Protein backbone atom coordinates (compact mmCIF):
# COMPACT_ATOMS: atom_id res chain seq x y z
CA MET A 1 -20.69 -8.37 -40.08
CA LYS A 2 -21.06 -8.11 -35.72
CA ASN A 3 -17.36 -7.70 -35.40
CA LYS A 4 -16.99 -5.51 -37.90
CA MET A 5 -19.89 -3.44 -36.44
CA LEU A 6 -17.99 -3.58 -33.02
CA ASN A 7 -14.81 -2.93 -33.74
CA TRP A 8 -15.93 0.56 -35.95
CA PHE A 9 -17.95 1.17 -32.82
CA LYS A 10 -14.72 1.07 -30.32
CA ASP A 11 -13.21 3.30 -32.97
CA ILE A 12 -15.30 5.68 -32.74
CA TYR A 13 -16.63 5.62 -29.03
CA GLY A 14 -13.12 4.40 -27.65
CA ASP A 15 -14.93 0.85 -26.93
CA ASN A 16 -17.22 -1.34 -27.19
CA GLU A 17 -18.58 -2.40 -23.75
CA GLY A 18 -21.86 -3.18 -23.80
CA ALA A 19 -22.88 -2.45 -27.17
CA CYS A 20 -25.15 -5.18 -29.43
CA VAL A 21 -25.94 -5.12 -33.08
CA TYR A 22 -28.99 -4.98 -35.03
CA PHE A 23 -29.67 -5.42 -38.62
CA ALA A 24 -33.39 -4.21 -40.97
CA PRO A 25 -33.40 -4.91 -44.33
CA GLY A 26 -33.76 -3.03 -47.20
CA ARG A 27 -36.32 -3.80 -49.57
CA VAL A 28 -37.68 -4.10 -53.64
CA ASN A 29 -41.45 -3.67 -54.55
CA LEU A 30 -41.67 -6.48 -57.54
CA ILE A 31 -44.95 -4.23 -58.73
CA GLY A 32 -47.33 -2.08 -57.92
CA GLU A 33 -45.15 1.11 -57.26
CA HIS A 34 -47.67 4.35 -56.05
CA THR A 35 -50.71 2.34 -55.07
CA ASP A 36 -49.99 1.41 -51.66
CA TYR A 37 -51.51 5.03 -50.55
CA ASN A 38 -53.82 4.84 -52.87
CA GLY A 39 -55.55 1.75 -51.56
CA GLY A 40 -53.78 -0.39 -54.19
CA HIS A 41 -52.09 -3.74 -54.18
CA VAL A 42 -48.46 -3.78 -54.12
CA PHE A 43 -45.65 -6.89 -54.34
CA PRO A 44 -43.12 -6.03 -52.40
CA CYS A 45 -39.80 -7.96 -50.50
CA ALA A 46 -37.20 -7.57 -47.97
CA LEU A 47 -33.32 -7.62 -49.12
CA GLU A 48 -30.57 -9.06 -48.03
CA LEU A 49 -29.26 -5.34 -47.91
CA GLY A 50 -30.09 -3.12 -45.67
CA THR A 51 -28.76 -1.03 -42.21
CA TYR A 52 -26.47 -2.50 -39.35
CA GLY A 53 -26.44 -0.59 -36.24
CA ALA A 54 -24.14 -0.97 -32.82
CA VAL A 55 -25.85 0.81 -29.92
CA ARG A 56 -24.97 1.05 -26.28
CA LEU A 57 -26.97 3.01 -23.76
CA ARG A 58 -25.70 5.88 -21.96
CA GLU A 59 -26.27 6.95 -18.07
CA ASP A 60 -27.15 10.49 -19.37
CA LYS A 61 -29.64 11.65 -21.99
CA ASP A 62 -27.03 11.96 -24.82
CA LEU A 63 -27.94 10.74 -28.32
CA ARG A 64 -24.73 10.20 -30.53
CA PHE A 65 -25.36 9.00 -34.23
CA TYR A 66 -22.41 8.32 -36.37
CA SER A 67 -22.60 6.99 -39.96
CA MET A 68 -19.59 5.11 -41.49
CA ASN A 69 -21.35 5.95 -44.92
CA PHE A 70 -21.27 9.50 -43.87
CA PRO A 71 -17.87 9.98 -42.10
CA GLU A 72 -17.35 13.38 -43.36
CA GLU A 73 -20.35 14.34 -40.99
CA GLY A 74 -18.37 12.88 -37.34
CA VAL A 75 -20.61 12.51 -34.47
CA ILE A 76 -24.01 14.14 -34.58
CA ILE A 77 -24.76 14.71 -30.97
CA SER A 78 -28.49 15.89 -29.99
CA SER A 79 -30.38 15.85 -26.29
CA LEU A 80 -32.97 13.12 -25.74
CA ASP A 81 -35.24 15.27 -24.14
CA GLU A 82 -34.96 17.98 -27.13
CA VAL A 83 -35.56 15.23 -29.64
CA LEU A 84 -38.42 13.68 -27.31
CA SER A 85 -40.26 16.86 -26.52
CA GLY A 86 -40.07 18.11 -30.39
CA GLU A 87 -37.87 20.97 -29.79
CA GLU A 88 -35.93 19.25 -32.23
CA LEU A 89 -38.68 19.56 -34.84
CA ILE A 90 -36.95 20.58 -37.90
CA TYR A 91 -35.38 18.62 -40.62
CA HIS A 92 -31.84 19.56 -40.24
CA ARG A 93 -30.58 19.77 -44.22
CA LYS A 94 -26.83 19.51 -42.78
CA ASN A 95 -27.28 16.11 -40.84
CA ASP A 96 -30.33 14.98 -43.46
CA TRP A 97 -30.04 10.85 -42.34
CA ALA A 98 -29.68 11.58 -38.73
CA ASN A 99 -32.95 12.77 -38.72
CA TYR A 100 -34.97 9.31 -39.71
CA PRO A 101 -33.69 7.62 -36.38
CA LYS A 102 -34.51 11.14 -34.56
CA GLY A 103 -38.36 10.74 -35.64
CA VAL A 104 -38.74 7.66 -34.13
CA LEU A 105 -37.29 8.43 -31.24
CA TRP A 106 -40.20 11.27 -31.38
CA ALA A 107 -42.69 9.24 -32.19
CA PHE A 108 -42.03 6.66 -29.33
CA ALA A 109 -42.92 9.82 -27.19
CA GLN A 110 -46.43 11.19 -29.38
CA HIS A 111 -49.51 10.43 -26.92
CA SER A 112 -51.81 10.46 -30.02
CA PHE A 113 -49.91 7.79 -31.30
CA VAL A 114 -48.78 5.66 -28.17
CA GLU A 115 -51.88 5.45 -26.72
CA LYS A 116 -53.64 3.65 -29.86
CA HIS A 117 -50.55 0.88 -30.46
CA ILE A 118 -48.12 0.48 -27.77
CA GLU A 119 -49.33 -1.35 -24.50
CA ILE A 120 -48.62 0.86 -21.63
CA LYS A 121 -48.16 0.05 -17.72
CA ASP A 122 -47.18 3.33 -16.07
CA LYS A 123 -47.21 7.23 -17.53
CA SER A 124 -43.25 7.02 -17.60
CA PRO A 125 -41.34 7.80 -20.30
CA LEU A 126 -40.96 4.80 -22.67
CA ILE A 127 -36.95 5.98 -23.35
CA ASN A 128 -35.47 7.43 -20.65
CA ARG A 129 -31.59 6.99 -21.53
CA GLY A 130 -29.68 8.17 -23.72
CA MET A 131 -27.42 6.24 -26.81
CA ASP A 132 -24.17 5.86 -28.80
CA ILE A 133 -25.11 4.72 -32.11
CA LEU A 134 -22.94 3.75 -35.11
CA TYR A 135 -24.88 2.56 -38.48
CA TYR A 136 -23.71 1.19 -41.59
CA GLY A 137 -25.93 0.33 -45.14
CA ASP A 138 -24.81 -1.31 -48.05
CA ILE A 139 -28.15 -0.08 -49.70
CA PRO A 140 -26.86 1.79 -52.44
CA ASN A 141 -27.77 5.29 -52.15
CA GLY A 142 -30.90 6.67 -54.60
CA SER A 143 -31.37 3.22 -55.68
CA GLY A 144 -35.12 3.16 -54.24
CA LEU A 145 -34.44 0.19 -52.13
CA SER A 146 -35.52 2.16 -48.83
CA SER A 147 -32.67 3.29 -47.30
CA SER A 148 -35.34 5.53 -45.19
CA ALA A 149 -37.39 2.69 -43.78
CA SER A 150 -34.54 0.24 -43.42
CA ILE A 151 -32.94 2.77 -40.63
CA GLU A 152 -36.47 4.14 -39.25
CA VAL A 153 -37.20 0.16 -38.48
CA LEU A 154 -33.85 -0.24 -37.35
CA MET A 155 -33.88 2.03 -34.80
CA ALA A 156 -37.40 1.31 -33.54
CA TYR A 157 -36.45 -2.19 -33.03
CA ILE A 158 -34.09 -1.00 -30.96
CA VAL A 159 -36.09 0.72 -29.05
CA LYS A 160 -38.45 -1.96 -28.56
CA ASP A 161 -35.30 -3.97 -27.36
CA LEU A 162 -33.24 -1.36 -25.11
CA PHE A 163 -36.10 -0.36 -23.53
CA GLN A 164 -38.52 -3.67 -23.42
CA ILE A 165 -41.39 -1.99 -24.96
CA ASP A 166 -44.56 -4.18 -25.94
CA ILE A 167 -45.06 -2.97 -29.77
CA SER A 168 -45.65 -5.69 -32.70
CA LEU A 169 -44.24 -5.27 -35.43
CA LYS A 170 -47.23 -3.95 -37.39
CA ASP A 171 -47.26 -1.22 -35.16
CA ILE A 172 -43.57 -0.04 -35.67
CA SER A 173 -44.40 0.03 -39.17
CA LEU A 174 -47.07 2.39 -38.54
CA LEU A 175 -44.58 4.62 -36.12
CA CYS A 176 -42.18 4.51 -38.69
CA GLN A 177 -44.85 5.84 -41.25
CA TYR A 178 -45.68 8.38 -38.86
CA ALA A 179 -42.54 9.67 -38.16
CA GLU A 180 -41.44 10.05 -41.70
CA ASN A 181 -44.59 12.00 -42.08
CA LYS A 182 -44.64 13.85 -39.07
CA TYR A 183 -41.22 14.49 -38.28
CA VAL A 184 -38.84 14.61 -41.55
CA GLY A 185 -41.88 16.03 -43.46
CA VAL A 186 -41.76 12.96 -46.16
CA ASN A 187 -45.62 12.01 -47.01
CA CYS A 188 -44.90 8.45 -47.56
CA GLY A 189 -47.61 5.74 -48.29
CA ILE A 190 -46.97 2.22 -45.30
CA MET A 191 -45.45 0.05 -47.96
CA ASP A 192 -41.55 0.51 -47.48
CA GLN A 193 -41.89 0.32 -43.43
CA PHE A 194 -44.46 -2.75 -43.72
CA ALA A 195 -42.28 -4.32 -46.19
CA VAL A 196 -38.92 -4.11 -43.98
CA ALA A 197 -40.46 -5.15 -40.76
CA MET A 198 -42.41 -8.10 -41.76
CA GLY A 199 -40.14 -9.24 -44.28
CA LYS A 200 -39.55 -12.94 -44.10
CA GLU A 201 -37.09 -15.27 -46.10
CA ASN A 202 -38.68 -16.55 -49.30
CA HIS A 203 -41.58 -14.57 -49.03
CA ALA A 204 -42.60 -11.29 -50.72
């Protein structure tokens, strides 16, 4: 799959030099639907199905998103500064899937969240360069297997790795929930993001 992602990346962005490939799983919940946000118990586990991302840092502050699942939408281009500042704090229905990774980037710039959950050494922006990103997911659309949490956690882990941010998987879960609540506007609980970020082989 890594080679396929890199080949697709080359097809879309011209070359794949410096590109890295990441993966975040989907999740299934065995019992306890709609109880996580009411203080109840749940029993989810991560899946082999999930979301792949091939990404490369840019020298400027352009963000370019492309999904192999929605090729008709083409490359979606945004400004990093506008996303981080909240100037793009609008759910763009036309490019609805891209709002999820944008929301995660935005959440990394929200001081009220960051100061509680991320170890920071100075006041410089955590994210200071743009990215070219290509996504592919093998989670069936509308299947209830948390494709949104999968792409959120994938984006958060990409940021953690590329920008060397000291954030735990637990706090990645909280950041992704925060992004979906505040940026995308979905009042979800924490189960999906937690199961995706914390899932382990042979565990539920």
